[in-house]
C-alpha atoms as a PDB file:
ATOM      1  CA  MET A   1     -17.592   2.086  42.879  1.00  0.00           C
ATOM      2  CA  ARG A   2     -14.035   2.828  42.463  1.00  0.00           C
ATOM      3  CA  ARG A   3     -12.965  -0.584  41.865  1.00  0.00           C
ATOM      4  CA  ARG A   4     -15.691  -1.242  39.189  1.00  0.00           C
ATOM      5  CA  ILE A   5     -14.349   1.948  37.746  1.00  0.00           C
ATOM      6  CA  CYS A   6     -10.686   0.855  37.418  1.00  0.00           C
ATOM      7  CA  TRP A   7     -11.871  -2.695  35.842  1.00  0.00           C
ATOM      8  CA  ALA A   8     -13.795  -0.906  33.160  1.00  0.00           C
ATOM      9  CA  LEU A   9     -11.070   1.271  32.563  1.00  0.00           C
ATOM     10  CA  LEU A  10      -8.638  -2.034  32.017  1.00  0.00           C
ATOM     11  CA  VAL A  11     -10.926  -4.011  30.426  1.00  0.00           C
ATOM     12  CA  CYS A  12     -11.468  -0.918  27.842  1.00  0.00           C
ATOM     13  CA  SER A  13      -7.956  -0.324  27.445  1.00  0.00           C
ATOM     14  CA  SER A  14      -7.066  -3.882  26.768  1.00  0.00           C
ATOM     15  CA  CYS A  15      -9.695  -4.151  24.481  1.00  0.00           C
ATOM     16  CA  LEU A  16      -9.165  -0.968  22.515  1.00  0.00           C
ATOM     17  CA  PRO A  17      -5.907  -2.363  20.342  1.00  0.00           C
ATOM     18  CA  MET A  18      -8.281  -5.203  19.286  1.00  0.00           C
ATOM     19  CA  VAL A  19     -10.736  -2.882  17.767  1.00  0.00           C
ATOM     20  CA  GLY A  20      -8.602  -1.383  14.708  1.00  0.00           C
ATOM     21  CA  CYS A  21      -8.598   2.179  13.106  1.00  0.00           C
ATOM     22  CA  VAL A  22     -11.113   4.733  14.460  1.00  0.00           C
ATOM     23  CA  LEU A  23     -11.613   5.818  10.910  1.00  0.00           C
ATOM     24  CA  PRO A  24     -11.850   2.682   8.310  1.00  0.00           C
ATOM     25  CA  ILE A  25      -9.878   3.643   5.511  1.00  0.00           C
ATOM     26  CA  TYR A  26     -11.949   1.798   3.177  1.00  0.00           C
ATOM     27  CA  SER A  27     -15.723   1.946   2.444  1.00  0.00           C
ATOM     28  CA  ALA A  28     -17.992  -0.689   3.996  1.00  0.00           C
ATOM     29  CA  ASN A  29     -19.506  -1.225   0.929  1.00  0.00           C
ATOM     30  CA  PRO A  30     -17.791  -4.182  -0.776  1.00  0.00           C
ATOM     31  CA  SER A  31     -18.064  -3.167  -4.355  1.00  0.00           C
ATOM     32  CA  LYS A  32     -16.856   0.498  -3.596  1.00  0.00           C
ATOM     33  CA  ARG A  33     -14.008  -1.075  -1.456  1.00  0.00           C
ATOM     34  CA  ALA A  34     -12.988  -3.322  -4.390  1.00  0.00           C
ATOM     35  CA  GLU A  35     -12.601   0.115  -6.295  1.00  0.00           C
ATOM     36  CA  GLN A  36     -10.682   1.842  -3.750  1.00  0.00           C
ATOM     37  CA  LEU A  37      -8.381  -1.248  -3.450  1.00  0.00           C
ATOM     38  CA  ILE A  38      -7.568  -1.242  -7.324  1.00  0.00           C
ATOM     39  CA  TYR A  39      -6.832   2.374  -7.137  1.00  0.00           C
ATOM     40  CA  THR A  40      -4.360   1.970  -4.048  1.00  0.00           C
ATOM     41  CA  SER A  41      -2.898  -0.666  -5.821  1.00  0.00           C
ATOM     42  CA  GLU A  42      -2.435   1.086  -8.926  1.00  0.00           C
ATOM     43  CA  ASN A  43      -1.138   4.157  -7.622  1.00  0.00           C
ATOM     44  CA  LEU A  44       1.769   1.833  -5.783  1.00  0.00           C
ATOM     45  CA  ARG A  45       2.051   0.516  -9.234  1.00  0.00           C
ATOM     46  CA  ALA A  46       2.881   4.005 -10.408  1.00  0.00           C
ATOM     47  CA  LEU A  47       5.142   4.616  -7.550  1.00  0.00           C
ATOM     48  CA  ILE A  48       7.384   1.753  -8.218  1.00  0.00           C
ATOM     49  CA  GLN A  49       7.511   2.869 -12.120  1.00  0.00           C
ATOM     50  CA  GLU A  50       8.074   6.250 -11.247  1.00  0.00           C
ATOM     51  CA  TRP A  51      11.195   5.149  -8.808  1.00  0.00           C
ATOM     52  CA  GLU A  52      12.766   2.865 -11.579  1.00  0.00           C
ATOM     53  CA  ARG A  53      12.242   5.717 -13.857  1.00  0.00           C
ATOM     54  CA  PHE A  54      14.175   7.969 -11.291  1.00  0.00           C
ATOM     55  CA  TRP A  55      17.172   5.771 -10.792  1.00  0.00           C
ATOM     56  CA  PHE A  56      17.223   5.104 -14.872  1.00  0.00           C
ATOM     57  CA  LEU A  57      16.538   1.121 -14.117  1.00  0.00           C
ATOM     58  CA  ASP A  58      13.801   1.473 -16.785  1.00  0.00           C
ATOM     59  CA  GLN A  59      16.402   1.739 -19.562  1.00  0.00           C
ATOM     60  CA  PRO A  60      17.102  -1.058 -21.740  1.00  0.00           C
ATOM     61  CA  ASN A  61      19.983  -2.982 -21.093  1.00  0.00           C
ATOM     62  CA  HIS A  62      23.050  -2.620 -23.721  1.00  0.00           C
ATOM     63  CA  MET A  63      24.749  -5.737 -22.316  1.00  0.00           C
ATOM     64  CA  THR A  64      22.973  -8.337 -24.540  1.00  0.00           C
ATOM     65  CA  PRO A  65      24.476 -11.637 -25.148  1.00  0.00           C
ATOM     66  CA  PHE A  66      23.835 -10.866 -28.788  1.00  0.00           C
ATOM     67  CA  ARG A  67      25.027  -8.246 -31.351  1.00  0.00           C
ATOM     68  CA  VAL A  68      22.654  -5.521 -31.850  1.00  0.00           C
ATOM     69  CA  HIS A  69      22.547  -2.701 -34.759  1.00  0.00           C
ATOM     70  CA  GLY A  70      22.059   0.639 -33.090  1.00  0.00           C
ATOM     71  CA  GLY A  71      21.907   2.860 -36.042  1.00  0.00           C
ATOM     72  CA  VAL A  72      19.445   3.447 -38.625  1.00  0.00           C
ATOM     73  CA  ILE A  73      19.188   0.546 -41.330  1.00  0.00           C
END
Protein backbone atom coordinates (compact mmCIF):
# COMPACT_ATOMS: atom_id res chain seq x y z
CA MET A 1 0.00 0.00 0.00
CA ARG A 2 2.81 2.39 0.86
CA ARG A 3 4.53 1.74 -2.47
CA ARG A 4 1.31 2.50 -4.34
CA ILE A 5 0.94 5.85 -2.52
CA CYS A 6 4.54 6.73 -3.29
CA TRP A 7 4.02 5.94 -6.99
CA ALA A 8 0.82 7.99 -7.04
CA LEU A 9 2.60 10.97 -5.44
CA LEU A 10 5.47 10.63 -7.90
CA VAL A 11 3.12 10.56 -10.90
CA CYS A 12 1.10 13.50 -9.58
CA SER A 13 4.21 15.56 -8.85
CA SER A 14 5.63 14.87 -12.32
CA CYS A 15 2.34 15.78 -14.06
CA LEU A 16 1.68 18.87 -11.96
CA PRO A 17 4.02 21.25 -13.87
CA MET A 18 2.35 20.27 -17.17
CA VAL A 19 -1.13 21.28 -16.02
CA GLY A 20 -0.63 25.06 -16.08
CA CYS A 21 -1.92 27.74 -13.81
CA VAL A 22 -4.42 26.72 -11.16
CA LEU A 23 -6.50 29.85 -11.77
CA PRO A 24 -6.64 30.78 -15.47
CA ILE A 25 -5.88 34.41 -16.24
CA TYR A 26 -8.22 34.56 -19.25
CA SER A 27 -11.80 33.41 -19.74
CA ALA A 28 -12.68 30.14 -21.46
CA ASN A 29 -15.20 31.91 -23.71
CA PRO A 30 -13.32 32.74 -26.97
CA SER A 31 -14.98 36.13 -27.54
CA LYS A 32 -14.43 37.20 -23.94
CA ARG A 33 -10.84 35.91 -24.07
CA ALA A 34 -10.16 37.95 -27.24
CA GLU A 35 -11.52 41.05 -25.52
CA GLN A 36 -9.31 40.42 -22.49
CA LEU A 37 -6.24 39.92 -24.69
CA ILE A 38 -6.94 43.20 -26.48
CA TYR A 39 -7.25 45.01 -23.16
CA THR A 40 -3.98 43.47 -22.00
CA SER A 41 -2.13 44.49 -25.14
CA GLU A 42 -3.56 48.02 -24.94
CA ASN A 43 -2.37 48.30 -21.35
CA LEU A 44 1.11 47.25 -22.40
CA ARG A 45 1.04 49.79 -25.22
CA ALA A 46 0.04 52.50 -22.74
CA LEU A 47 2.90 51.42 -20.49
CA ILE A 48 5.40 51.83 -23.33
CA GLN A 49 4.03 55.29 -24.11
CA GLU A 50 4.25 56.25 -20.44
CA TRP A 51 7.85 55.01 -20.30
CA GLU A 52 8.79 57.09 -23.37
CA ARG A 53 7.11 60.14 -21.89
CA PHE A 54 8.99 59.66 -18.60
CA TRP A 55 12.38 59.50 -20.34
CA PHE A 56 11.43 62.30 -22.80
CA LEU A 57 11.71 59.95 -25.78
CA ASP A 58 8.42 61.22 -27.21
CA GLN A 59 9.84 64.71 -27.80
CA PRO A 60 10.55 65.82 -31.37
CA ASN A 61 14.06 65.35 -32.63
CA HIS A 62 15.78 68.69 -33.25
CA MET A 63 18.59 67.15 -35.25
CA THR A 64 16.74 67.28 -38.56
CA PRO A 65 18.70 67.06 -41.82
CA PHE A 66 16.97 70.21 -43.15
CA ARG A 67 16.51 73.66 -41.73
CA VAL A 68 13.26 74.21 -39.82
CA HIS A 69 11.90 77.59 -38.74
CA GLY A 70 10.94 77.33 -35.08
CA GLY A 71 9.18 80.66 -34.67
CA VAL A 72 5.84 82.07 -35.68
CA ILE A 73 5.76 83.02 -39.34
